[in-house]
Amino acid sequence: MSHANSPGRRERIANLGYDYLAQPREAVARCNLCGESEFVVLTHRDRYGYPAEAHACRHCGLVFLNPRMTAEAYGRFYDGVYRPLVSAFHGRQIDAHTIQGEQREYAVERAGFLRPFLSREDLHSMLDIGGSTGVVAHHFAREFALEGTLIDPAPLEVAQARSLGLETITGLVEEHDFGRRRFDVVIICQTVDHLLDVAGTLARVRQLLSDDGVLFVDIVDFRAAYLRNWSVEDAVKIDHPYYLTEPTMAAYLRGSGFEIMRADYAADHLHVSYACRPAADPSEARPDPASVERLLSEVRFVQNTQR
């Protein structure tokens, strides 16, 4: 049985009264990674049961919602719907307070991953993009003697981060004017899948990162997600406009002017983390066409094989 079809879960989600189809949405005409416009529909519903379609680019294998909610609709979604929806799905309270325990564990684990790259005396400033309550940024700032700045669009979570002594900005990195500021470390933790423009954000990060700086970013691996529950629909959710894989994320990073120093699987076997440094020049490196065909074939196999 699909997660969304569990009677108790279905009832909790229905009780929220969120009308997904009533939200303003926009069609995606070109792939955010390769710019092509030939897509294939993978799913017609997401894990919550909403009628959301996930498409895949036939040229590079990038998976994304299409159509997707507008930026304004997502702003309202994250302001009042996102946490209650996730809470209804899991059957427990998930909010800016309850998530902090998990965030502390995550911070310790990822600090260990980054220690070989951040234990340098020439690194002083850090920007956390989509940093939520600031738990991760605060831990990294203490662990590596960094001055931490956090930017996030959610006011309540930014307030939590400010109470930890971090410099905070309420907004989006794509829109905020940082002037001439540059940062030695930029971290994008469990956030890139939520962006509306991955390519644009990574290009912006490249401008904000110092020449010898370090970027950390992690993804929810789409393949790991649908193989875990043997369900493609359960791996799709309206809060993630994008569904990244190792080949597509590597292509994004290379195309945005980054060199991957290390990639690693997190303890949950779902996230993949990347430590990167600026490369001399961006390089266009689409995923191998054979990997795209394998992905599409595997998706069809999973959809047509019951466990």
C-alpha atoms as a PDB file:
ATOM      1  CA  MET A   1       0.000   0.000   0.000  1.00  0.00           C
ATOM      2  CA  SER A   2       1.295   3.467  -0.891  1.00  0.00           C
ATOM      3  CA  HIS A   3       2.107   5.697   2.054  1.00  0.00           C
ATOM      4  CA  ALA A   4      -0.543   8.190   0.952  1.00  0.00           C
ATOM      5  CA  ASN A   5      -3.205   5.444   0.972  1.00  0.00           C
ATOM      6  CA  SER A   6      -2.824   4.566   4.648  1.00  0.00           C
ATOM      7  CA  PRO A   7      -6.295   5.443   6.052  1.00  0.00           C
ATOM      8  CA  GLY A   8      -5.024   7.305   9.132  1.00  0.00           C
ATOM      9  CA  ARG A   9      -2.452   9.259   7.177  1.00  0.00           C
ATOM     10  CA  ARG A  10      -4.909  10.057   4.387  1.00  0.00           C
ATOM     11  CA  GLU A  11      -7.412  11.408   6.921  1.00  0.00           C
ATOM     12  CA  ARG A  12      -4.809  13.557   8.698  1.00  0.00           C
ATOM     13  CA  ILE A  13      -3.717  15.107   5.399  1.00  0.00           C
ATOM     14  CA  ALA A  14      -7.323  15.672   4.276  1.00  0.00           C
ATOM     15  CA  ASN A  15      -8.099  17.420   7.580  1.00  0.00           C
ATOM     16  CA  LEU A  16      -5.540  20.119   6.733  1.00  0.00           C
ATOM     17  CA  GLY A  17      -7.879  21.301   3.992  1.00  0.00           C
ATOM     18  CA  TYR A  18      -5.025  22.256   1.646  1.00  0.00           C
ATOM     19  CA  ASP A  19      -6.304  22.575  -1.933  1.00  0.00           C
ATOM     20  CA  TYR A  20      -3.247  21.927  -4.072  1.00  0.00           C
ATOM     21  CA  LEU A  21      -5.109  22.284  -7.375  1.00  0.00           C
ATOM     22  CA  ALA A  22      -6.340  25.736  -6.360  1.00  0.00           C
ATOM     23  CA  GLN A  23      -2.789  27.066  -5.997  1.00  0.00           C
ATOM     24  CA  PRO A  24      -1.315  29.138  -8.831  1.00  0.00           C
ATOM     25  CA  ARG A  25       1.103  26.998 -10.817  1.00  0.00           C
ATOM     26  CA  GLU A  26       3.400  27.451 -13.786  1.00  0.00           C
ATOM     27  CA  ALA A  27       4.595  25.110 -16.508  1.00  0.00           C
ATOM     28  CA  VAL A  28       8.301  24.328 -16.874  1.00  0.00           C
ATOM     29  CA  ALA A  29       9.186  24.711 -20.540  1.00  0.00           C
ATOM     30  CA  ARG A  30      12.917  24.015 -20.422  1.00  0.00           C
ATOM     31  CA  CYS A  31      15.107  21.807 -18.266  1.00  0.00           C
ATOM     32  CA  ASN A  32      16.892  23.758 -15.543  1.00  0.00           C
ATOM     33  CA  LEU A  33      20.046  21.675 -16.014  1.00  0.00           C
ATOM     34  CA  CYS A  34      20.521  21.245 -19.776  1.00  0.00           C
ATOM     35  CA  GLY A  35      17.975  23.614 -21.316  1.00  0.00           C
ATOM     36  CA  GLU A  36      16.253  20.962 -23.411  1.00  0.00           C
ATOM     37  CA  SER A  37      12.471  20.703 -23.662  1.00  0.00           C
ATOM     38  CA  GLU A  38      11.740  17.002 -24.232  1.00  0.00           C
ATOM     39  CA  PHE A  39      10.240  15.509 -21.068  1.00  0.00           C
ATOM     40  CA  VAL A  40       8.576  12.269 -20.019  1.00  0.00           C
ATOM     41  CA  VAL A  41       5.946  12.040 -17.264  1.00  0.00           C
ATOM     42  CA  LEU A  42       7.031   9.743 -14.411  1.00  0.00           C
ATOM     43  CA  THR A  43       4.253  10.168 -11.840  1.00  0.00           C
ATOM     44  CA  HIS A  44       0.792  11.680 -11.578  1.00  0.00           C
ATOM     45  CA  ARG A  45       0.561  11.837  -7.767  1.00  0.00           C
ATOM     46  CA  ASP A  46       2.917  12.582  -4.909  1.00  0.00           C
ATOM     47  CA  ARG A  47       3.361  10.845  -1.551  1.00  0.00           C
ATOM     48  CA  TYR A  48       0.668  12.978   0.087  1.00  0.00           C
ATOM     49  CA  GLY A  49      -1.881  11.994  -2.555  1.00  0.00           C
ATOM     50  CA  TYR A  50      -1.892  15.368  -4.318  1.00  0.00           C
ATOM     51  CA  PRO A  51      -2.205  15.313  -8.144  1.00  0.00           C
ATOM     52  CA  ALA A  52       1.354  16.473  -8.812  1.00  0.00           C
ATOM     53  CA  GLU A  53       3.225  15.343 -11.915  1.00  0.00           C
ATOM     54  CA  ALA A  54       6.947  14.616 -11.892  1.00  0.00           C
ATOM     55  CA  HIS A  55       8.653  14.882 -15.269  1.00  0.00           C
ATOM     56  CA  ALA A  56      12.116  13.751 -16.352  1.00  0.00           C
ATOM     57  CA  CYS A  57      14.268  15.388 -18.999  1.00  0.00           C
ATOM     58  CA  ARG A  58      15.013  12.836 -21.705  1.00  0.00           C
ATOM     59  CA  HIS A  59      18.400  14.452 -22.384  1.00  0.00           C
ATOM     60  CA  CYS A  60      19.983  14.714 -18.923  1.00  0.00           C
ATOM     61  CA  GLY A  61      17.675  12.801 -16.561  1.00  0.00           C
ATOM     62  CA  LEU A  62      16.776  15.726 -14.292  1.00  0.00           C
ATOM     63  CA  VAL A  63      13.451  15.067 -12.526  1.00  0.00           C
ATOM     64  CA  PHE A  64      11.183  17.933 -11.474  1.00  0.00           C
ATOM     65  CA  LEU A  65       7.576  18.865 -10.775  1.00  0.00           C
ATOM     66  CA  ASN A  66       5.763  20.137 -13.851  1.00  0.00           C
ATOM     67  CA  PRO A  67       3.705  22.221 -13.524  1.00  0.00           C
ATOM     68  CA  ARG A  68       4.840  23.500 -10.164  1.00  0.00           C
ATOM     69  CA  MET A  69       3.573  26.122  -7.777  1.00  0.00           C
ATOM     70  CA  THR A  70       4.679  29.707  -8.315  1.00  0.00           C
ATOM     71  CA  ALA A  71       7.199  31.355  -6.007  1.00  0.00           C
ATOM     72  CA  GLU A  72       4.383  33.224  -4.254  1.00  0.00           C
ATOM     73  CA  ALA A  73       2.397  30.009  -3.757  1.00  0.00           C
ATOM     74  CA  TYR A  74       5.461  28.286  -2.327  1.00  0.00           C
ATOM     75  CA  GLY A  75       5.986  31.247  -0.010  1.00  0.00           C
ATOM     76  CA  ARG A  76       2.506  30.755   1.440  1.00  0.00           C
ATOM     77  CA  PHE A  77       3.022  26.985   1.543  1.00  0.00           C
ATOM     78  CA  TYR A  78       6.189  27.240   3.636  1.00  0.00           C
ATOM     79  CA  ASP A  79       4.718  29.934   5.847  1.00  0.00           C
ATOM     80  CA  GLY A  80       1.758  27.916   7.075  1.00  0.00           C
ATOM     81  CA  VAL A  81       1.290  24.542   5.397  1.00  0.00           C
ATOM     82  CA  TYR A  82       4.628  22.793   5.100  1.00  0.00           C
ATOM     83  CA  ARG A  83       5.263  21.824   8.730  1.00  0.00           C
ATOM     84  CA  PRO A  84       1.637  20.787   9.426  1.00  0.00           C
ATOM     85  CA  LEU A  85       1.641  18.695   6.235  1.00  0.00           C
ATOM     86  CA  VAL A  86       4.855  16.885   7.143  1.00  0.00           C
ATOM     87  CA  SER A  87       3.501  16.381  10.666  1.00  0.00           C
ATOM     88  CA  ALA A  88       0.283  14.866   9.272  1.00  0.00           C
ATOM     89  CA  PHE A  89       2.275  12.572   7.008  1.00  0.00           C
ATOM     90  CA  HIS A  90       4.467  11.243   9.825  1.00  0.00           C
ATOM     91  CA  GLY A  91       1.806  11.303  12.536  1.00  0.00           C
ATOM     92  CA  ARG A  92       3.848  13.396  14.971  1.00  0.00           C
ATOM     93  CA  GLN A  93       4.502  17.066  15.628  1.00  0.00           C
ATOM     94  CA  ILE A  94       7.287  18.461  13.442  1.00  0.00           C
ATOM     95  CA  ASP A  95       8.032  22.163  13.861  1.00  0.00           C
ATOM     96  CA  ALA A  96      10.854  24.642  14.463  1.00  0.00           C
ATOM     97  CA  HIS A  97      11.305  23.276  18.006  1.00  0.00           C
ATOM     98  CA  THR A  98      10.953  19.521  17.543  1.00  0.00           C
ATOM     99  CA  ILE A  99      13.304  19.310  14.540  1.00  0.00           C
ATOM    100  CA  GLN A 100      16.267  20.682  16.459  1.00  0.00           C
ATOM    101  CA  GLY A 101      17.288  17.327  17.938  1.00  0.00           C
ATOM    102  CA  GLU A 102      17.583  15.782  14.483  1.00  0.00           C
ATOM    103  CA  GLN A 103      19.397  18.881  13.251  1.00  0.00           C
ATOM    104  CA  ARG A 104      22.005  18.541  16.017  1.00  0.00           C
ATOM    105  CA  GLU A 105      22.715  14.938  15.037  1.00  0.00           C
ATOM    106  CA  TYR A 106      22.948  15.970  11.402  1.00  0.00           C
ATOM    107  CA  ALA A 107      25.332  18.838  12.280  1.00  0.00           C
ATOM    108  CA  VAL A 108      27.720  16.542  14.153  1.00  0.00           C
ATOM    109  CA  GLU A 109      27.745  13.952  11.370  1.00  0.00           C
ATOM    110  CA  ARG A 110      28.304  16.463   8.562  1.00  0.00           C
ATOM    111  CA  ALA A 111      30.962  18.337  10.561  1.00  0.00           C
ATOM    112  CA  GLY A 112      32.925  15.094  10.604  1.00  0.00           C
ATOM    113  CA  PHE A 113      32.574  14.830   6.843  1.00  0.00           C
ATOM    114  CA  LEU A 114      33.819  18.408   6.342  1.00  0.00           C
ATOM    115  CA  ARG A 115      36.566  18.510   8.977  1.00  0.00           C
ATOM    116  CA  PRO A 116      39.431  17.741   6.526  1.00  0.00           C
ATOM    117  CA  PHE A 117      38.363  20.720   4.397  1.00  0.00           C
ATOM    118  CA  LEU A 118      37.390  23.256   7.075  1.00  0.00           C
ATOM    119  CA  SER A 119      40.275  22.840   9.529  1.00  0.00           C
ATOM    120  CA  ARG A 120      42.142  25.772   7.974  1.00  0.00           C
ATOM    121  CA  GLU A 121      43.164  29.047   9.591  1.00  0.00           C
ATOM    122  CA  ASP A 122      42.325  31.094   6.479  1.00  0.00           C
ATOM    123  CA  LEU A 123      38.591  30.330   6.665  1.00  0.00           C
ATOM    124  CA  HIS A 124      36.690  32.937   8.672  1.00  0.00           C
ATOM    125  CA  SER A 125      33.154  33.529   7.384  1.00  0.00           C
ATOM    126  CA  MET A 126      30.270  31.166   6.612  1.00  0.00           C
ATOM    127  CA  LEU A 127      26.902  31.563   4.901  1.00  0.00           C
ATOM    128  CA  ASP A 128      24.168  28.995   5.561  1.00  0.00           C
ATOM    129  CA  ILE A 129      21.551  29.075   2.790  1.00  0.00           C
ATOM    130  CA  GLY A 130      18.127  27.855   3.913  1.00  0.00           C
ATOM    131  CA  GLY A 131      19.556  27.319   7.372  1.00  0.00           C
ATOM    132  CA  SER A 132      16.245  26.882   9.236  1.00  0.00           C
ATOM    133  CA  THR A 133      16.651  27.248  13.006  1.00  0.00           C
ATOM    134  CA  GLY A 134      20.411  27.770  12.864  1.00  0.00           C
ATOM    135  CA  VAL A 135      21.369  24.599  14.727  1.00  0.00           C
ATOM    136  CA  VAL A 136      23.700  23.432  11.962  1.00  0.00           C
ATOM    137  CA  ALA A 137      25.259  26.848  11.335  1.00  0.00           C
ATOM    138  CA  HIS A 138      25.782  27.376  15.071  1.00  0.00           C
ATOM    139  CA  HIS A 139      27.537  24.013  15.432  1.00  0.00           C
ATOM    140  CA  PHE A 140      29.757  24.635  12.404  1.00  0.00           C
ATOM    141  CA  ALA A 141      30.607  28.146  13.617  1.00  0.00           C
ATOM    142  CA  ARG A 142      31.778  26.805  16.984  1.00  0.00           C
ATOM    143  CA  GLU A 143      33.480  23.715  15.587  1.00  0.00           C
ATOM    144  CA  PHE A 144      35.508  25.561  12.944  1.00  0.00           C
ATOM    145  CA  ALA A 145      35.801  29.079  14.459  1.00  0.00           C
ATOM    146  CA  LEU A 146      33.665  30.705  11.761  1.00  0.00           C
ATOM    147  CA  GLU A 147      31.525  33.831  11.804  1.00  0.00           C
ATOM    148  CA  GLY A 148      28.117  32.498  10.845  1.00  0.00           C
ATOM    149  CA  THR A 149      25.465  34.190   8.705  1.00  0.00           C
ATOM    150  CA  LEU A 150      22.146  32.481   7.956  1.00  0.00           C
ATOM    151  CA  ILE A 151      19.564  33.284   5.285  1.00  0.00           C
ATOM    152  CA  ASP A 152      16.134  31.649   5.239  1.00  0.00           C
ATOM    153  CA  PRO A 153      12.659  32.757   4.105  1.00  0.00           C
ATOM    154  CA  ALA A 154      10.815  31.483   7.218  1.00  0.00           C
ATOM    155  CA  PRO A 155      10.598  34.235   9.897  1.00  0.00           C
ATOM    156  CA  LEU A 156       9.889  31.899  12.846  1.00  0.00           C
ATOM    157  CA  GLU A 157      12.888  29.709  12.095  1.00  0.00           C
ATOM    158  CA  VAL A 158      15.112  32.748  11.483  1.00  0.00           C
ATOM    159  CA  ALA A 159      14.117  34.019  14.931  1.00  0.00           C
ATOM    160  CA  GLN A 160      15.331  30.743  16.439  1.00  0.00           C
ATOM    161  CA  ALA A 161      18.659  31.131  14.611  1.00  0.00           C
ATOM    162  CA  ARG A 162      19.045  34.713  15.800  1.00  0.00           C
ATOM    163  CA  SER A 163      18.674  33.560  19.409  1.00  0.00           C
ATOM    164  CA  LEU A 164      21.814  31.453  18.902  1.00  0.00           C
ATOM    165  CA  GLY A 165      23.861  34.548  18.145  1.00  0.00           C
ATOM    166  CA  LEU A 166      24.029  34.127  14.371  1.00  0.00           C
ATOM    167  CA  GLU A 167      23.705  36.990  11.939  1.00  0.00           C
ATOM    168  CA  THR A 168      20.394  36.344  10.198  1.00  0.00           C
ATOM    169  CA  ILE A 169      18.733  37.435   6.971  1.00  0.00           C
ATOM    170  CA  THR A 170      15.077  36.732   6.244  1.00  0.00           C
ATOM    171  CA  GLY A 171      14.812  36.174   2.517  1.00  0.00           C
ATOM    172  CA  LEU A 172      16.080  34.237  -0.485  1.00  0.00           C
ATOM    173  CA  VAL A 173      19.711  34.081  -1.545  1.00  0.00           C
ATOM    174  CA  GLU A 174      18.742  34.661  -5.180  1.00  0.00           C
ATOM    175  CA  GLU A 175      17.108  37.991  -4.275  1.00  0.00           C
ATOM    176  CA  HIS A 176      19.158  39.389  -1.372  1.00  0.00           C
ATOM    177  CA  ASP A 177      21.798  42.019  -2.169  1.00  0.00           C
ATOM    178  CA  PHE A 178      25.011  41.031  -0.402  1.00  0.00           C
ATOM    179  CA  GLY A 179      26.940  43.925  -1.934  1.00  0.00           C
ATOM    180  CA  ARG A 180      30.653  43.136  -2.061  1.00  0.00           C
ATOM    181  CA  ARG A 181      30.503  40.488   0.671  1.00  0.00           C
ATOM    182  CA  ARG A 182      32.139  37.137   0.051  1.00  0.00           C
ATOM    183  CA  PHE A 183      32.157  34.047   2.268  1.00  0.00           C
ATOM    184  CA  ASP A 184      34.881  31.469   2.874  1.00  0.00           C
ATOM    185  CA  VAL A 185      32.372  28.680   3.495  1.00  0.00           C
ATOM    186  CA  VAL A 186      28.883  28.271   2.055  1.00  0.00           C
ATOM    187  CA  ILE A 187      26.628  25.449   3.212  1.00  0.00           C
ATOM    188  CA  ILE A 188      23.332  24.364   1.626  1.00  0.00           C
ATOM    189  CA  CYS A 189      21.971  21.692   3.936  1.00  0.00           C
ATOM    190  CA  GLN A 190      18.911  19.644   2.943  1.00  0.00           C
ATOM    191  CA  THR A 191      17.742  22.632   0.910  1.00  0.00           C
ATOM    192  CA  VAL A 192      18.747  22.352  -2.747  1.00  0.00           C
ATOM    193  CA  ASP A 193      15.762  20.110  -3.570  1.00  0.00           C
ATOM    194  CA  HIS A 194      13.440  22.909  -2.373  1.00  0.00           C
ATOM    195  CA  LEU A 195      14.814  25.549  -4.732  1.00  0.00           C
ATOM    196  CA  LEU A 196      12.949  26.833  -7.770  1.00  0.00           C
ATOM    197  CA  ASP A 197      16.147  27.525  -9.734  1.00  0.00           C
ATOM    198  CA  VAL A 198      19.008  25.207  -8.833  1.00  0.00           C
ATOM    199  CA  ALA A 199      21.268  26.431 -11.644  1.00  0.00           C
ATOM    200  CA  GLY A 200      20.682  30.086 -10.775  1.00  0.00           C
ATOM    201  CA  THR A 201      21.274  29.535  -7.069  1.00  0.00           C
ATOM    202  CA  LEU A 202      24.533  27.638  -7.607  1.00  0.00           C
ATOM    203  CA  ALA A 203      25.725  30.368  -9.985  1.00  0.00           C
ATOM    204  CA  ARG A 204      24.921  32.916  -7.277  1.00  0.00           C
ATOM    205  CA  VAL A 205      26.798  30.851  -4.683  1.00  0.00           C
ATOM    206  CA  ARG A 206      29.842  30.754  -6.975  1.00  0.00           C
ATOM    207  CA  GLN A 207      29.842  34.560  -6.946  1.00  0.00           C
ATOM    208  CA  LEU A 208      29.510  34.704  -3.162  1.00  0.00           C
ATOM    209  CA  LEU A 209      32.234  32.142  -2.413  1.00  0.00           C
ATOM    210  CA  SER A 210      35.802  33.326  -1.942  1.00  0.00           C
ATOM    211  CA  ASP A 211      38.393  32.062  -4.418  1.00  0.00           C
ATOM    212  CA  ASP A 212      39.770  29.503  -1.937  1.00  0.00           C
ATOM    213  CA  GLY A 213      36.451  28.795  -0.283  1.00  0.00           C
ATOM    214  CA  VAL A 214      34.533  25.579   0.368  1.00  0.00           C
ATOM    215  CA  LEU A 215      30.968  24.708  -0.621  1.00  0.00           C
ATOM    216  CA  PHE A 216      28.963  22.002   1.124  1.00  0.00           C
ATOM    217  CA  VAL A 217      25.700  20.822  -0.399  1.00  0.00           C
ATOM    218  CA  ASP A 218      23.668  17.647  -0.051  1.00  0.00           C
ATOM    219  CA  ILE A 219      20.785  16.127  -1.960  1.00  0.00           C
ATOM    220  CA  VAL A 220      18.038  13.628  -1.358  1.00  0.00           C
ATOM    221  CA  ASP A 221      19.085  10.985  -3.879  1.00  0.00           C
ATOM    222  CA  PHE A 222      15.966  10.332  -5.960  1.00  0.00           C
ATOM    223  CA  ARG A 223      17.052   6.779  -6.809  1.00  0.00           C
ATOM    224  CA  ALA A 224      17.654   5.935  -3.166  1.00  0.00           C
ATOM    225  CA  ALA A 225      14.256   7.416  -2.289  1.00  0.00           C
ATOM    226  CA  TYR A 226      12.204   5.356  -4.735  1.00  0.00           C
ATOM    227  CA  LEU A 227      14.205   2.176  -4.197  1.00  0.00           C
ATOM    228  CA  ARG A 228      13.814   2.444  -0.410  1.00  0.00           C
ATOM    229  CA  ASN A 229      10.034   1.959  -0.542  1.00  0.00           C
ATOM    230  CA  TRP A 230       9.904   0.515  -4.061  1.00  0.00           C
ATOM    231  CA  SER A 231       7.610   3.362  -5.051  1.00  0.00           C
ATOM    232  CA  VAL A 232       8.331   6.292  -7.333  1.00  0.00           C
ATOM    233  CA  GLU A 233       5.210   8.127  -6.163  1.00  0.00           C
ATOM    234  CA  ASP A 234       6.335   7.887  -2.527  1.00  0.00           C
ATOM    235  CA  ALA A 235       9.624   9.593  -3.516  1.00  0.00           C
ATOM    236  CA  VAL A 236       7.787  12.631  -4.936  1.00  0.00           C
ATOM    237  CA  LYS A 237       6.336  15.423  -2.783  1.00  0.00           C
ATOM    238  CA  ILE A 238       5.054  18.894  -3.590  1.00  0.00           C
ATOM    239  CA  ASP A 239       7.630  20.516  -1.278  1.00  0.00           C
ATOM    240  CA  HIS A 240      10.470  19.348  -3.570  1.00  0.00           C
ATOM    241  CA  PRO A 241      10.380  21.002  -7.010  1.00  0.00           C
ATOM    242  CA  TYR A 242      13.501  18.956  -7.950  1.00  0.00           C
ATOM    243  CA  TYR A 243      14.613  15.314  -7.573  1.00  0.00           C
ATOM    244  CA  LEU A 244      18.351  15.011  -7.944  1.00  0.00           C
ATOM    245  CA  THR A 245      20.565  12.017  -8.577  1.00  0.00           C
ATOM    246  CA  GLU A 246      24.328  11.660  -8.370  1.00  0.00           C
ATOM    247  CA  PRO A 247      24.794  12.194 -12.154  1.00  0.00           C
ATOM    248  CA  THR A 248      22.549  15.269 -12.308  1.00  0.00           C
ATOM    249  CA  MET A 249      24.039  16.885  -9.188  1.00  0.00           C
ATOM    250  CA  ALA A 250      27.587  16.330 -10.414  1.00  0.00           C
ATOM    251  CA  ALA A 251      26.605  17.987 -13.711  1.00  0.00           C
ATOM    252  CA  TYR A 252      25.054  20.941 -11.873  1.00  0.00           C
ATOM    253  CA  LEU A 253      28.199  21.472  -9.796  1.00  0.00           C
ATOM    254  CA  ARG A 254      30.608  21.230 -12.720  1.00  0.00           C
ATOM    255  CA  GLY A 255      28.438  23.516 -14.829  1.00  0.00           C
ATOM    256  CA  SER A 256      28.312  26.105 -12.029  1.00  0.00           C
ATOM    257  CA  GLY A 257      32.090  26.273 -11.669  1.00  0.00           C
ATOM    258  CA  PHE A 258      32.762  23.832  -8.827  1.00  0.00           C
ATOM    259  CA  GLU A 259      35.115  20.907  -8.463  1.00  0.00           C
ATOM    260  CA  ILE A 260      33.944  18.039  -6.268  1.00  0.00           C
ATOM    261  CA  MET A 261      36.587  17.191  -3.666  1.00  0.00           C
ATOM    262  CA  ARG A 262      34.594  14.489  -1.908  1.00  0.00           C
ATOM    263  CA  ALA A 263      31.169  12.878  -2.168  1.00  0.00           C
ATOM    264  CA  ASP A 264      29.734  10.724   0.585  1.00  0.00           C
ATOM    265  CA  TYR A 265      26.573   8.875   1.618  1.00  0.00           C
ATOM    266  CA  ALA A 266      25.004  10.058   4.865  1.00  0.00           C
ATOM    267  CA  ALA A 267      24.086   7.644   7.663  1.00  0.00           C
ATOM    268  CA  ASP A 268      20.445   7.620   6.551  1.00  0.00           C
ATOM    269  CA  HIS A 269      21.513   6.107   3.179  1.00  0.00           C
ATOM    270  CA  LEU A 270      19.232   8.674   1.536  1.00  0.00           C
ATOM    271  CA  HIS A 271      21.279  11.866   1.346  1.00  0.00           C
ATOM    272  CA  VAL A 272      24.481  12.343  -0.648  1.00  0.00           C
ATOM    273  CA  SER A 273      26.874  15.074   0.500  1.00  0.00           C
ATOM    274  CA  TYR A 274      29.385  17.034  -1.577  1.00  0.00           C
ATOM    275  CA  ALA A 275      32.413  19.064  -0.517  1.00  0.00           C
ATOM    276  CA  CYS A 276      33.449  21.353  -3.366  1.00  0.00           C
ATOM    277  CA  ARG A 277      35.910  24.087  -4.225  1.00  0.00           C
ATOM    278  CA  PRO A 278      35.820  26.676  -7.013  1.00  0.00           C
ATOM    279  CA  ALA A 279      37.073  25.366 -10.339  1.00  0.00           C
ATOM    280  CA  ALA A 280      39.077  27.419 -12.797  1.00  0.00           C
ATOM    281  CA  ASP A 281      36.292  27.379 -15.388  1.00  0.00           C
ATOM    282  CA  PRO A 282      32.750  25.974 -15.540  1.00  0.00           C
ATOM    283  CA  SER A 283      32.491  22.865 -17.686  1.00  0.00           C
ATOM    284  CA  GLU A 284      29.399  21.589 -19.435  1.00  0.00           C
ATOM    285  CA  ALA A 285      29.126  17.922 -18.506  1.00  0.00           C
ATOM    286  CA  ARG A 286      25.714  16.414 -18.999  1.00  0.00           C
ATOM    287  CA  PRO A 287      25.089  12.999 -17.489  1.00  0.00           C
ATOM    288  CA  ASP A 288      25.969  10.118 -19.751  1.00  0.00           C
ATOM    289  CA  PRO A 289      22.979   9.340 -22.026  1.00  0.00           C
ATOM    290  CA  ALA A 290      23.262   5.684 -20.971  1.00  0.00           C
ATOM    291  CA  SER A 291      22.707   6.696 -17.332  1.00  0.00           C
ATOM    292  CA  VAL A 292      19.573   8.594 -18.357  1.00  0.00           C
ATOM    293  CA  GLU A 293      18.169   5.544 -20.115  1.00  0.00           C
ATOM    294  CA  ARG A 294      18.987   3.343 -17.114  1.00  0.00           C
ATOM    295  CA  LEU A 295      17.148   5.750 -14.804  1.00  0.00           C
ATOM    296  CA  LEU A 296      14.019   5.851 -16.956  1.00  0.00           C
ATOM    297  CA  SER A 297      14.018   2.083 -17.413  1.00  0.00           C
ATOM    298  CA  GLU A 298      14.484   1.504 -13.691  1.00  0.00           C
ATOM    299  CA  VAL A 299      11.625   3.865 -12.851  1.00  0.00           C
ATOM    300  CA  ARG A 300       9.307   1.935 -15.161  1.00  0.00           C
ATOM    301  CA  PHE A 301      10.470  -1.359 -13.675  1.00  0.00           C
ATOM    302  CA  VAL A 302       9.761  -0.178 -10.132  1.00  0.00           C
ATOM    303  CA  GLN A 303       6.351   1.161 -11.139  1.00  0.00           C
ATOM    304  CA  ASN A 304       5.352  -2.117 -12.740  1.00  0.00           C
ATOM    305  CA  THR A 305       6.744  -4.486 -10.122  1.00  0.00           C
ATOM    306  CA  GLN A 306       4.815  -4.984  -6.884  1.00  0.00           C
ATOM    307  CA  ARG A 307       6.537  -5.985  -3.662  1.00  0.00           C
END
